[in-house]
PDB file of N, CA and C in Angstrom:
ATOM      1  N   MET A   1     -32.559 -31.578  -2.444  1.00  0.00           N
ATOM      2  CA  MET A   1     -31.836 -30.542  -3.153  1.00  0.00           C
ATOM      3  C   MET A   1     -30.346 -30.843  -3.111  1.00  0.00           C
ATOM      4  N   SER A   2     -29.735 -30.797  -4.229  1.00  0.00           N
ATOM      5  CA  SER A   2     -28.285 -30.967  -4.239  1.00  0.00           C
ATOM      6  C   SER A   2     -27.639 -29.613  -4.482  1.00  0.00           C
ATOM      7  N   SER A   3     -26.554 -29.425  -3.805  1.00  0.00           N
ATOM      8  CA  SER A   3     -25.844 -28.167  -4.018  1.00  0.00           C
ATOM      9  C   SER A   3     -24.510 -28.461  -4.673  1.00  0.00           C
ATOM     10  N   LYS A   4     -24.143 -27.598  -5.525  1.00  0.00           N
ATOM     11  CA  LYS A   4     -22.865 -27.765  -6.203  1.00  0.00           C
ATOM     12  C   LYS A   4     -21.751 -27.344  -5.250  1.00  0.00           C
ATOM     13  N   PRO A   5     -20.636 -28.049  -5.282  1.00  0.00           N
ATOM     14  CA  PRO A   5     -19.517 -27.618  -4.460  1.00  0.00           C
ATOM     15  C   PRO A   5     -19.017 -26.260  -4.947  1.00  0.00           C
ATOM     16  N   SER A   6     -18.677 -25.429  -4.019  1.00  0.00           N
ATOM     17  CA  SER A   6     -18.193 -24.110  -4.414  1.00  0.00           C
ATOM     18  C   SER A   6     -16.688 -24.038  -4.212  1.00  0.00           C
ATOM     19  N   LEU A   7     -16.079 -23.314  -5.068  1.00  0.00           N
ATOM     20  CA  LEU A   7     -14.643 -23.108  -4.985  1.00  0.00           C
ATOM     21  C   LEU A   7     -14.425 -21.765  -4.291  1.00  0.00           C
ATOM     22  N   LEU A   8     -13.768 -21.813  -3.163  1.00  0.00           N
ATOM     23  CA  LEU A   8     -13.515 -20.594  -2.404  1.00  0.00           C
ATOM     24  C   LEU A   8     -12.117 -20.087  -2.742  1.00  0.00           C
ATOM     25  N   VAL A   9     -12.078 -18.931  -3.320  1.00  0.00           N
ATOM     26  CA  VAL A   9     -10.799 -18.306  -3.632  1.00  0.00           C
ATOM     27  C   VAL A   9     -10.682 -17.086  -2.733  1.00  0.00           C
ATOM     28  N   GLU A  10      -9.674 -17.098  -1.889  1.00  0.00           N
ATOM     29  CA  GLU A  10      -9.521 -16.016  -0.930  1.00  0.00           C
ATOM     30  C   GLU A  10      -8.282 -15.211  -1.270  1.00  0.00           C
ATOM     31  N   SER A  11      -8.475 -13.923  -1.421  1.00  0.00           N
ATOM     32  CA  SER A  11      -7.366 -13.024  -1.666  1.00  0.00           C
ATOM     33  C   SER A  11      -6.928 -12.454  -0.331  1.00  0.00           C
ATOM     34  N   MET A  12      -5.646 -12.295  -0.150  1.00  0.00           N
ATOM     35  CA  MET A  12      -5.139 -11.793   1.122  1.00  0.00           C
ATOM     36  C   MET A  12      -5.461 -10.313   1.289  1.00  0.00           C
ATOM     37  N   GLY A  13      -4.850  -9.478   0.467  1.00  0.00           N
ATOM     38  CA  GLY A  13      -5.020  -8.042   0.616  1.00  0.00           C
ATOM     39  C   GLY A  13      -5.728  -7.442  -0.584  1.00  0.00           C
ATOM     40  N   ARG A  14      -5.586  -6.126  -0.699  1.00  0.00           N
ATOM     41  CA  ARG A  14      -6.217  -5.449  -1.819  1.00  0.00           C
ATOM     42  C   ARG A  14      -5.425  -4.190  -2.133  1.00  0.00           C
ATOM     43  N   VAL A  15      -5.641  -3.682  -3.343  1.00  0.00           N
ATOM     44  CA  VAL A  15      -5.017  -2.444  -3.786  1.00  0.00           C
ATOM     45  C   VAL A  15      -6.135  -1.473  -4.119  1.00  0.00           C
ATOM     46  N   VAL A  16      -6.061  -0.261  -3.549  1.00  0.00           N
ATOM     47  CA  VAL A  16      -7.097   0.740  -3.776  1.00  0.00           C
ATOM     48  C   VAL A  16      -6.454   2.085  -4.115  1.00  0.00           C
ATOM     49  N   GLU A  17      -7.146   2.865  -4.928  1.00  0.00           N
ATOM     50  CA  GLU A  17      -6.747   4.241  -5.211  1.00  0.00           C
ATOM     51  C   GLU A  17      -7.390   5.125  -4.145  1.00  0.00           C
ATOM     52  N   VAL A  18      -6.608   6.059  -3.595  1.00  0.00           N
ATOM     53  CA  VAL A  18      -7.093   6.879  -2.487  1.00  0.00           C
ATOM     54  C   VAL A  18      -6.814   8.354  -2.788  1.00  0.00           C
ATOM     55  N   SER A  19      -7.797   9.194  -2.506  1.00  0.00           N
ATOM     56  CA  SER A  19      -7.637  10.642  -2.672  1.00  0.00           C
ATOM     57  C   SER A  19      -7.287  11.277  -1.329  1.00  0.00           C
ATOM     58  N   ASP A  20      -6.918  12.547  -1.354  1.00  0.00           N
ATOM     59  CA  ASP A  20      -6.662  13.267  -0.106  1.00  0.00           C
ATOM     60  C   ASP A  20      -7.882  13.213   0.815  1.00  0.00           C
ATOM     61  N   ALA A  21      -9.076  13.348   0.234  1.00  0.00           N
ATOM     62  CA  ALA A  21     -10.305  13.356   1.036  1.00  0.00           C
ATOM     63  C   ALA A  21     -10.550  12.014   1.712  1.00  0.00           C
ATOM     64  N   GLU A  22     -10.081  10.927   1.102  1.00  0.00           N
ATOM     65  CA  GLU A  22     -10.304   9.580   1.638  1.00  0.00           C
ATOM     66  C   GLU A  22      -9.137   9.063   2.479  1.00  0.00           C
ATOM     67  N   PHE A  23      -8.066   9.830   2.564  1.00  0.00           N
ATOM     68  CA  PHE A  23      -6.822   9.335   3.141  1.00  0.00           C
ATOM     69  C   PHE A  23      -6.983   8.814   4.569  1.00  0.00           C
ATOM     70  N   ASP A  24      -7.526   9.624   5.461  1.00  0.00           N
ATOM     71  CA  ASP A  24      -7.655   9.204   6.865  1.00  0.00           C
ATOM     72  C   ASP A  24      -8.518   7.956   7.004  1.00  0.00           C
ATOM     73  N   MET A  25      -9.618   7.921   6.280  1.00  0.00           N
ATOM     74  CA  MET A  25     -10.493   6.753   6.336  1.00  0.00           C
ATOM     75  C   MET A  25      -9.769   5.514   5.797  1.00  0.00           C
ATOM     76  N   ALA A  26      -9.014   5.690   4.719  1.00  0.00           N
ATOM     77  CA  ALA A  26      -8.316   4.557   4.097  1.00  0.00           C
ATOM     78  C   ALA A  26      -7.247   3.979   5.015  1.00  0.00           C
ATOM     79  N   THR A  27      -6.538   4.825   5.748  1.00  0.00           N
ATOM     80  CA  THR A  27      -5.471   4.319   6.610  1.00  0.00           C
ATOM     81  C   THR A  27      -6.019   3.598   7.829  1.00  0.00           C
ATOM     82  N   LYS A  28      -7.307   3.748   8.085  1.00  0.00           N
ATOM     83  CA  LYS A  28      -7.953   3.051   9.206  1.00  0.00           C
ATOM     84  C   LYS A  28      -8.856   1.918   8.736  1.00  0.00           C
ATOM     85  N   SER A  29      -8.847   1.636   7.432  1.00  0.00           N
ATOM     86  CA  SER A  29      -9.794   0.673   6.854  1.00  0.00           C
ATOM     87  C   SER A  29      -9.428  -0.781   7.119  1.00  0.00           C
ATOM     88  N   SER A  30      -8.166  -1.056   7.422  1.00  0.00           N
ATOM     89  CA  SER A  30      -7.687  -2.413   7.658  1.00  0.00           C
ATOM     90  C   SER A  30      -6.672  -2.380   8.789  1.00  0.00           C
ATOM     91  N   GLU A  31      -6.369  -3.553   9.337  1.00  0.00           N
ATOM     92  CA  GLU A  31      -5.353  -3.615  10.385  1.00  0.00           C
ATOM     93  C   GLU A  31      -4.022  -3.076   9.860  1.00  0.00           C
ATOM     94  N   TRP A  32      -3.624  -3.544   8.662  1.00  0.00           N
ATOM     95  CA  TRP A  32      -2.376  -3.109   8.035  1.00  0.00           C
ATOM     96  C   TRP A  32      -2.684  -2.401   6.733  1.00  0.00           C
ATOM     97  N   VAL A  33      -2.121  -1.193   6.574  1.00  0.00           N
ATOM     98  CA  VAL A  33      -2.280  -0.422   5.339  1.00  0.00           C
ATOM     99  C   VAL A  33      -0.908   0.119   4.948  1.00  0.00           C
ATOM    100  N   LEU A  34      -0.527  -0.101   3.706  1.00  0.00           N
ATOM    101  CA  LEU A  34       0.703   0.457   3.167  1.00  0.00           C
ATOM    102  C   LEU A  34       0.309   1.519   2.151  1.00  0.00           C
ATOM    103  N   VAL A  35       0.614   2.766   2.461  1.00  0.00           N
ATOM    104  CA  VAL A  35       0.300   3.875   1.565  1.00  0.00           C
ATOM    105  C   VAL A  35       1.471   4.066   0.608  1.00  0.00           C
ATOM    106  N   ASP A  36       1.153   4.116  -0.679  1.00  0.00           N
ATOM    107  CA  ASP A  36       2.138   4.322  -1.735  1.00  0.00           C
ATOM    108  C   ASP A  36       1.866   5.677  -2.369  1.00  0.00           C
ATOM    109  N   PHE A  37       2.731   6.663  -2.092  1.00  0.00           N
ATOM    110  CA  PHE A  37       2.643   7.964  -2.749  1.00  0.00           C
ATOM    111  C   PHE A  37       3.414   7.853  -4.058  1.00  0.00           C
ATOM    112  N   TRP A  38       2.748   8.110  -5.179  1.00  0.00           N
ATOM    113  CA  TRP A  38       3.302   7.871  -6.499  1.00  0.00           C
ATOM    114  C   TRP A  38       2.798   8.932  -7.480  1.00  0.00           C
ATOM    115  N   ALA A  39       3.330   8.905  -8.684  1.00  0.00           N
ATOM    116  CA  ALA A  39       2.841   9.755  -9.779  1.00  0.00           C
ATOM    117  C   ALA A  39       3.036   9.005 -11.093  1.00  0.00           C
ATOM    118  N   PRO A  40       2.185   9.290 -12.084  1.00  0.00           N
ATOM    119  CA  PRO A  40       2.257   8.567 -13.358  1.00  0.00           C
ATOM    120  C   PRO A  40       3.582   8.744 -14.100  1.00  0.00           C
ATOM    121  N   TRP A  41       4.262   9.845 -13.921  1.00  0.00           N
ATOM    122  CA  TRP A  41       5.521  10.128 -14.628  1.00  0.00           C
ATOM    123  C   TRP A  41       6.748   9.553 -13.928  1.00  0.00           C
ATOM    124  N   CYS A  42       6.563   8.966 -12.751  1.00  0.00           N
ATOM    125  CA  CYS A  42       7.669   8.507 -11.902  1.00  0.00           C
ATOM    126  C   CYS A  42       8.100   7.087 -12.281  1.00  0.00           C
ATOM    127  N   GLY A  43       9.308   6.964 -12.859  1.00  0.00           N
ATOM    128  CA  GLY A  43       9.819   5.653 -13.261  1.00  0.00           C
ATOM    129  C   GLY A  43       9.946   4.667 -12.110  1.00  0.00           C
ATOM    130  N   PRO A  44      10.591   5.049 -10.989  1.00  0.00           N
ATOM    131  CA  PRO A  44      10.683   4.113  -9.859  1.00  0.00           C
ATOM    132  C   PRO A  44       9.312   3.702  -9.311  1.00  0.00           C
ATOM    133  N   CYS A  45       8.332   4.603  -9.383  1.00  0.00           N
ATOM    134  CA  CYS A  45       6.964   4.262  -8.938  1.00  0.00           C
ATOM    135  C   CYS A  45       6.389   3.150  -9.804  1.00  0.00           C
ATOM    136  N   LYS A  46       6.629   3.255 -11.106  1.00  0.00           N
ATOM    137  CA  LYS A  46       6.160   2.220 -12.031  1.00  0.00           C
ATOM    138  C   LYS A  46       6.870   0.900 -11.762  1.00  0.00           C
ATOM    139  N   MET A  47       8.139   0.970 -11.359  1.00  0.00           N
ATOM    140  CA  MET A  47       8.907  -0.248 -11.084  1.00  0.00           C
ATOM    141  C   MET A  47       8.350  -1.011  -9.885  1.00  0.00           C
ATOM    142  N   ILE A  48       7.925  -0.297  -8.839  1.00  0.00           N
ATOM    143  CA  ILE A  48       7.478  -1.003  -7.638  1.00  0.00           C
ATOM    144  C   ILE A  48       5.997  -1.363  -7.659  1.00  0.00           C
ATOM    145  N   SER A  49       5.244  -0.810  -8.602  1.00  0.00           N
ATOM    146  CA  SER A  49       3.807  -1.095  -8.644  1.00  0.00           C
ATOM    147  C   SER A  49       3.493  -2.594  -8.713  1.00  0.00           C
ATOM    148  N   PRO A  50       4.136  -3.371  -9.605  1.00  0.00           N
ATOM    149  CA  PRO A  50       3.845  -4.816  -9.619  1.00  0.00           C
ATOM    150  C   PRO A  50       4.285  -5.520  -8.337  1.00  0.00           C
ATOM    151  N   ILE A  51       5.341  -5.013  -7.705  1.00  0.00           N
ATOM    152  CA  ILE A  51       5.788  -5.594  -6.429  1.00  0.00           C
ATOM    153  C   ILE A  51       4.724  -5.379  -5.362  1.00  0.00           C
ATOM    154  N   LEU A  52       4.161  -4.186  -5.321  1.00  0.00           N
ATOM    155  CA  LEU A  52       3.116  -3.896  -4.330  1.00  0.00           C
ATOM    156  C   LEU A  52       1.866  -4.735  -4.586  1.00  0.00           C
ATOM    157  N   ASN A  53       1.536  -4.935  -5.858  1.00  0.00           N
ATOM    158  CA  ASN A  53       0.394  -5.810  -6.186  1.00  0.00           C
ATOM    159  C   ASN A  53       0.657  -7.233  -5.705  1.00  0.00           C
ATOM    160  N   GLN A  54       1.880  -7.700  -5.872  1.00  0.00           N
ATOM    161  CA  GLN A  54       2.242  -9.046  -5.425  1.00  0.00           C
ATOM    162  C   GLN A  54       2.166  -9.145  -3.900  1.00  0.00           C
ATOM    163  N   ILE A  55       2.627  -8.113  -3.203  1.00  0.00           N
ATOM    164  CA  ILE A  55       2.555  -8.097  -1.746  1.00  0.00           C
ATOM    165  C   ILE A  55       1.106  -8.164  -1.287  1.00  0.00           C
ATOM    166  N   ALA A  56       0.220  -7.444  -1.978  1.00  0.00           N
ATOM    167  CA  ALA A  56      -1.204  -7.486  -1.630  1.00  0.00           C
ATOM    168  C   ALA A  56      -1.779  -8.885  -1.823  1.00  0.00           C
ATOM    169  N   ASP A  57      -1.265  -9.629  -2.801  1.00  0.00           N
ATOM    170  CA  ASP A  57      -1.720 -11.002  -3.026  1.00  0.00           C
ATOM    171  C   ASP A  57      -1.206 -11.952  -1.948  1.00  0.00           C
ATOM    172  N   GLU A  58      -0.072 -11.621  -1.340  1.00  0.00           N
ATOM    173  CA  GLU A  58       0.573 -12.534  -0.396  1.00  0.00           C
ATOM    174  C   GLU A  58       0.287 -12.230   1.071  1.00  0.00           C
ATOM    175  N   LYS A  59      -0.044 -10.993   1.380  1.00  0.00           N
ATOM    176  CA  LYS A  59      -0.208 -10.589   2.777  1.00  0.00           C
ATOM    177  C   LYS A  59      -1.593  -9.996   3.001  1.00  0.00           C
ATOM    178  N   ASP A  60      -2.015 -10.014   4.237  1.00  0.00           N
ATOM    179  CA  ASP A  60      -3.289  -9.407   4.619  1.00  0.00           C
ATOM    180  C   ASP A  60      -3.051  -7.918   4.870  1.00  0.00           C
ATOM    181  N   ILE A  61      -2.955  -7.178   3.765  1.00  0.00           N
ATOM    182  CA  ILE A  61      -2.616  -5.763   3.822  1.00  0.00           C
ATOM    183  C   ILE A  61      -3.362  -5.030   2.713  1.00  0.00           C
ATOM    184  N   THR A  62      -3.742  -3.797   2.982  1.00  0.00           N
ATOM    185  CA  THR A  62      -4.311  -2.930   1.958  1.00  0.00           C
ATOM    186  C   THR A  62      -3.210  -2.025   1.446  1.00  0.00           C
ATOM    187  N   ILE A  63      -3.035  -1.987   0.133  1.00  0.00           N
ATOM    188  CA  ILE A  63      -2.109  -1.054  -0.493  1.00  0.00           C
ATOM    189  C   ILE A  63      -2.958   0.132  -0.959  1.00  0.00           C
ATOM    190  N   ALA A  64      -2.735   1.283  -0.352  1.00  0.00           N
ATOM    191  CA  ALA A  64      -3.495   2.491  -0.680  1.00  0.00           C
ATOM    192  C   ALA A  64      -2.612   3.386  -1.544  1.00  0.00           C
ATOM    193  N   LYS A  65      -2.958   3.504  -2.817  1.00  0.00           N
ATOM    194  CA  LYS A  65      -2.150   4.261  -3.769  1.00  0.00           C
ATOM    195  C   LYS A  65      -2.676   5.700  -3.860  1.00  0.00           C
ATOM    196  N   VAL A  66      -1.791   6.665  -3.597  1.00  0.00           N
ATOM    197  CA  VAL A  66      -2.154   8.078  -3.630  1.00  0.00           C
ATOM    198  C   VAL A  66      -1.360   8.754  -4.755  1.00  0.00           C
ATOM    199  N   ASN A  67      -2.057   9.177  -5.813  1.00  0.00           N
ATOM    200  CA  ASN A  67      -1.435   9.889  -6.924  1.00  0.00           C
ATOM    201  C   ASN A  67      -1.137  11.308  -6.444  1.00  0.00           C
ATOM    202  N   THR A  68       0.149  11.613  -6.260  1.00  0.00           N
ATOM    203  CA  THR A  68       0.533  12.900  -5.676  1.00  0.00           C
ATOM    204  C   THR A  68       0.305  14.074  -6.626  1.00  0.00           C
ATOM    205  N   ASP A  69       0.192  13.825  -7.926  1.00  0.00           N
ATOM    206  CA  ASP A  69      -0.131  14.908  -8.860  1.00  0.00           C
ATOM    207  C   ASP A  69      -1.544  15.424  -8.615  1.00  0.00           C
ATOM    208  N   MET A  70      -2.453  14.513  -8.292  1.00  0.00           N
ATOM    209  CA  MET A  70      -3.856  14.877  -8.085  1.00  0.00           C
ATOM    210  C   MET A  70      -4.192  15.072  -6.612  1.00  0.00           C
ATOM    211  N   ASN A  71      -3.364  14.534  -5.722  1.00  0.00           N
ATOM    212  CA  ASN A  71      -3.634  14.570  -4.282  1.00  0.00           C
ATOM    213  C   ASN A  71      -2.349  14.904  -3.519  1.00  0.00           C
ATOM    214  N   PRO A  72      -1.915  16.172  -3.553  1.00  0.00           N
ATOM    215  CA  PRO A  72      -0.632  16.530  -2.953  1.00  0.00           C
ATOM    216  C   PRO A  72      -0.650  16.721  -1.439  1.00  0.00           C
ATOM    217  N   LEU A  73      -1.818  16.863  -0.847  1.00  0.00           N
ATOM    218  CA  LEU A  73      -1.897  17.237   0.566  1.00  0.00           C
ATOM    219  C   LEU A  73      -1.465  16.129   1.516  1.00  0.00           C
ATOM    220  N   SER A  74      -1.885  14.906   1.267  1.00  0.00           N
ATOM    221  CA  SER A  74      -1.592  13.798   2.189  1.00  0.00           C
ATOM    222  C   SER A  74      -0.091  13.564   2.318  1.00  0.00           C
ATOM    223  N   MET A  75       0.622  13.626   1.211  1.00  0.00           N
ATOM    224  CA  MET A  75       2.060  13.399   1.248  1.00  0.00           C
ATOM    225  C   MET A  75       2.755  14.473   2.080  1.00  0.00           C
ATOM    226  N   GLY A  76       2.270  15.683   2.023  1.00  0.00           N
ATOM    227  CA  GLY A  76       2.870  16.786   2.769  1.00  0.00           C
ATOM    228  C   GLY A  76       2.860  16.576   4.269  1.00  0.00           C
ATOM    229  N   LYS A  77       1.924  15.792   4.767  1.00  0.00           N
ATOM    230  CA  LYS A  77       1.846  15.516   6.210  1.00  0.00           C
ATOM    231  C   LYS A  77       3.072  14.772   6.711  1.00  0.00           C
ATOM    232  N   PHE A  78       3.772  14.090   5.814  1.00  0.00           N
ATOM    233  CA  PHE A  78       4.904  13.247   6.216  1.00  0.00           C
ATOM    234  C   PHE A  78       6.256  13.863   5.864  1.00  0.00           C
ATOM    235  N   GLY A  79       6.260  15.004   5.211  1.00  0.00           N
ATOM    236  CA  GLY A  79       7.498  15.696   4.907  1.00  0.00           C
ATOM    237  C   GLY A  79       8.350  15.061   3.821  1.00  0.00           C
ATOM    238  N   PHE A  80       7.768  14.210   3.002  1.00  0.00           N
ATOM    239  CA  PHE A  80       8.523  13.589   1.915  1.00  0.00           C
ATOM    240  C   PHE A  80       8.869  14.630   0.860  1.00  0.00           C
ATOM    241  N   ARG A  81      10.035  14.465   0.263  1.00  0.00           N
ATOM    242  CA  ARG A  81      10.456  15.352  -0.820  1.00  0.00           C
ATOM    243  C   ARG A  81      10.552  14.604  -2.144  1.00  0.00           C
ATOM    244  N   GLY A  82      10.434  13.291  -2.123  1.00  0.00           N
ATOM    245  CA  GLY A  82      10.533  12.501  -3.339  1.00  0.00           C
ATOM    246  C   GLY A  82       9.592  11.315  -3.302  1.00  0.00           C
ATOM    247  N   ILE A  83       9.379  10.740  -4.477  1.00  0.00           N
ATOM    248  CA  ILE A  83       8.540   9.553  -4.600  1.00  0.00           C
ATOM    249  C   ILE A  83       9.315   8.501  -5.381  1.00  0.00           C
ATOM    250  N   PRO A  84       8.986   7.246  -5.246  1.00  0.00           N
ATOM    251  CA  PRO A  84       7.914   6.720  -4.399  1.00  0.00           C
ATOM    252  C   PRO A  84       8.250   6.877  -2.916  1.00  0.00           C
ATOM    253  N   ALA A  85       7.197   7.137  -2.167  1.00  0.00           N
ATOM    254  CA  ALA A  85       7.305   7.225  -0.714  1.00  0.00           C
ATOM    255  C   ALA A  85       6.220   6.327  -0.138  1.00  0.00           C
ATOM    256  N   LEU A  86       6.574   5.549   0.871  1.00  0.00           N
ATOM    257  CA  LEU A  86       5.636   4.586   1.444  1.00  0.00           C
ATOM    258  C   LEU A  86       5.545   4.766   2.949  1.00  0.00           C
ATOM    259  N   VAL A  87       4.326   4.632   3.463  1.00  0.00           N
ATOM    260  CA  VAL A  87       4.099   4.696   4.905  1.00  0.00           C
ATOM    261  C   VAL A  87       3.294   3.465   5.296  1.00  0.00           C
ATOM    262  N   LEU A  88       3.792   2.737   6.283  1.00  0.00           N
ATOM    263  CA  LEU A  88       3.094   1.565   6.798  1.00  0.00           C
ATOM    264  C   LEU A  88       2.279   1.971   8.015  1.00  0.00           C
ATOM    265  N   PHE A  89       0.983   1.670   7.986  1.00  0.00           N
ATOM    266  CA  PHE A  89       0.072   1.957   9.090  1.00  0.00           C
ATOM    267  C   PHE A  89      -0.381   0.652   9.732  1.00  0.00           C
ATOM    268  N   HIS A  90      -0.494   0.662  11.048  1.00  0.00           N
ATOM    269  CA  HIS A  90      -1.072  -0.457  11.795  1.00  0.00           C
ATOM    270  C   HIS A  90      -2.190   0.112  12.654  1.00  0.00           C
ATOM    271  N   ASN A  91      -3.400  -0.375  12.423  1.00  0.00           N
ATOM    272  CA  ASN A  91      -4.587   0.108  13.142  1.00  0.00           C
ATOM    273  C   ASN A  91      -4.684   1.631  13.115  1.00  0.00           C
ATOM    274  N   GLY A  92      -4.423   2.212  11.940  1.00  0.00           N
ATOM    275  CA  GLY A  92      -4.596   3.643  11.741  1.00  0.00           C
ATOM    276  C   GLY A  92      -3.433   4.516  12.172  1.00  0.00           C
ATOM    277  N   GLN A  93      -2.374   3.911  12.718  1.00  0.00           N
ATOM    278  CA  GLN A  93      -1.222   4.684  13.185  1.00  0.00           C
ATOM    279  C   GLN A  93       0.000   4.387  12.312  1.00  0.00           C
ATOM    280  N   PRO A  94       0.732   5.431  11.887  1.00  0.00           N
ATOM    281  CA  PRO A  94       1.945   5.168  11.112  1.00  0.00           C
ATOM    282  C   PRO A  94       3.008   4.513  11.984  1.00  0.00           C
ATOM    283  N   VAL A  95       3.627   3.442  11.468  1.00  0.00           N
ATOM    284  CA  VAL A  95       4.666   2.743  12.232  1.00  0.00           C
ATOM    285  C   VAL A  95       6.040   2.857  11.584  1.00  0.00           C
ATOM    286  N   ASP A  96       6.094   3.080  10.266  1.00  0.00           N
ATOM    287  CA  ASP A  96       7.379   3.236   9.599  1.00  0.00           C
ATOM    288  C   ASP A  96       7.135   3.821   8.214  1.00  0.00           C
ATOM    289  N   GLN A  97       8.222   4.318   7.611  1.00  0.00           N
ATOM    290  CA  GLN A  97       8.130   4.859   6.262  1.00  0.00           C
ATOM    291  C   GLN A  97       9.444   4.651   5.533  1.00  0.00           C
ATOM    292  N   MET A  98       9.371   4.674   4.207  1.00  0.00           N
ATOM    293  CA  MET A  98      10.572   4.557   3.378  1.00  0.00           C
ATOM    294  C   MET A  98      10.343   5.297   2.075  1.00  0.00           C
ATOM    295  N   THR A  99      11.436   5.687   1.444  1.00  0.00           N
ATOM    296  CA  THR A  99      11.355   6.312   0.129  1.00  0.00           C
ATOM    297  C   THR A  99      12.240   5.543  -0.832  1.00  0.00           C
ATOM    298  N   GLY A 100      11.893   5.627  -2.097  1.00  0.00           N
ATOM    299  CA  GLY A 100      12.684   5.006  -3.140  1.00  0.00           C
ATOM    300  C   GLY A 100      12.224   3.604  -3.485  1.00  0.00           C
ATOM    301  N   ALA A 101      12.648   3.165  -4.659  1.00  0.00           N
ATOM    302  CA  ALA A 101      12.316   1.821  -5.125  1.00  0.00           C
ATOM    303  C   ALA A 101      13.256   0.811  -4.479  1.00  0.00           C
ATOM    304  N   ARG A 102      12.737  -0.368  -4.235  1.00  0.00           N
ATOM    305  CA  ARG A 102      13.511  -1.466  -3.648  1.00  0.00           C
ATOM    306  C   ARG A 102      13.089  -2.760  -4.340  1.00  0.00           C
ATOM    307  N   PRO A 103      13.956  -3.769  -4.333  1.00  0.00           N
ATOM    308  CA  PRO A 103      13.529  -5.082  -4.826  1.00  0.00           C
ATOM    309  C   PRO A 103      12.573  -5.728  -3.818  1.00  0.00           C
ATOM    310  N   LYS A 104      11.793  -6.676  -4.298  1.00  0.00           N
ATOM    311  CA  LYS A 104      10.775  -7.293  -3.455  1.00  0.00           C
ATOM    312  C   LYS A 104      11.332  -7.887  -2.162  1.00  0.00           C
ATOM    313  N   PRO A 105      12.476  -8.574  -2.172  1.00  0.00           N
ATOM    314  CA  PRO A 105      12.970  -9.117  -0.895  1.00  0.00           C
ATOM    315  C   PRO A 105      13.174  -8.045   0.187  1.00  0.00           C
ATOM    316  N   MET A 106      13.543  -6.836  -0.228  1.00  0.00           N
ATOM    317  CA  MET A 106      13.713  -5.766   0.762  1.00  0.00           C
ATOM    318  C   MET A 106      12.367  -5.304   1.314  1.00  0.00           C
ATOM    319  N   PHE A 107      11.334  -5.259   0.456  1.00  0.00           N
ATOM    320  CA  PHE A 107       9.988  -4.952   0.943  1.00  0.00           C
ATOM    321  C   PHE A 107       9.520  -6.037   1.914  1.00  0.00           C
ATOM    322  N   ASP A 108       9.763  -7.297   1.544  1.00  0.00           N
ATOM    323  CA  ASP A 108       9.352  -8.406   2.405  1.00  0.00           C
ATOM    324  C   ASP A 108      10.039  -8.319   3.766  1.00  0.00           C
ATOM    325  N   GLN A 109      11.317  -8.012   3.770  1.00  0.00           N
ATOM    326  CA  GLN A 109      12.058  -7.889   5.024  1.00  0.00           C
ATOM    327  C   GLN A 109      11.529  -6.725   5.855  1.00  0.00           C
ATOM    328  N   TRP A 110      11.305  -5.587   5.208  1.00  0.00           N
ATOM    329  CA  TRP A 110      10.800  -4.402   5.894  1.00  0.00           C
ATOM    330  C   TRP A 110       9.436  -4.673   6.527  1.00  0.00           C
ATOM    331  N   LEU A 111       8.529  -5.220   5.735  1.00  0.00           N
ATOM    332  CA  LEU A 111       7.174  -5.507   6.244  1.00  0.00           C
ATOM    333  C   LEU A 111       7.220  -6.607   7.301  1.00  0.00           C
ATOM    334  N   GLY A 112       8.102  -7.578   7.126  1.00  0.00           N
ATOM    335  CA  GLY A 112       8.210  -8.687   8.061  1.00  0.00           C
ATOM    336  C   GLY A 112       8.611  -8.247   9.469  1.00  0.00           C
ATOM    337  N   LYS A 113       9.351  -7.152   9.567  1.00  0.00           N
ATOM    338  CA  LYS A 113       9.737  -6.632  10.890  1.00  0.00           C
ATOM    339  C   LYS A 113       8.511  -6.282  11.724  1.00  0.00           C
ATOM    340  N   TYR A 114       7.422  -5.929  11.063  1.00  0.00           N
ATOM    341  CA  TYR A 114       6.222  -5.479  11.768  1.00  0.00           C
ATOM    342  C   TYR A 114       5.074  -6.484  11.703  1.00  0.00           C
ATOM    343  N   MET A 115       4.932  -7.154  10.569  1.00  0.00           N
ATOM    344  CA  MET A 115       3.735  -7.977  10.355  1.00  0.00           C
ATOM    345  C   MET A 115       3.907  -9.436  10.762  1.00  0.00           C
ATOM    346  N   ASP A 116       5.125  -9.941  10.838  1.00  0.00           N
ATOM    347  CA  ASP A 116       5.323 -11.364  11.141  1.00  0.00           C
ATOM    348  C   ASP A 116       5.380 -11.602  12.650  1.00  0.00           C
TER     349      ASP A 116
END
């Protein structure tokens, strides 16, 4: 029997949509989870979305996107007043948070303080 060589393509992280009901489970689903509180009408949220997708491709991290229009409860736990708001979790525990849009190098620097 001959077997064909297989091409292994490995993705580092992933991006998932998360509801309030799934929030606790999602933040414990991976070693590193970056929660992105966003809304469809939010311009800065739209600006950072491709950056977060790129980070998921480059790092072993889950990006958990929470639409605050449909899921307002989870964001309230952190006292945020504006979006985009991000919380970095390590093994289910929040380690840092930030609000507002940033260029990718600033995200890389921020995440690098904890993940590198």
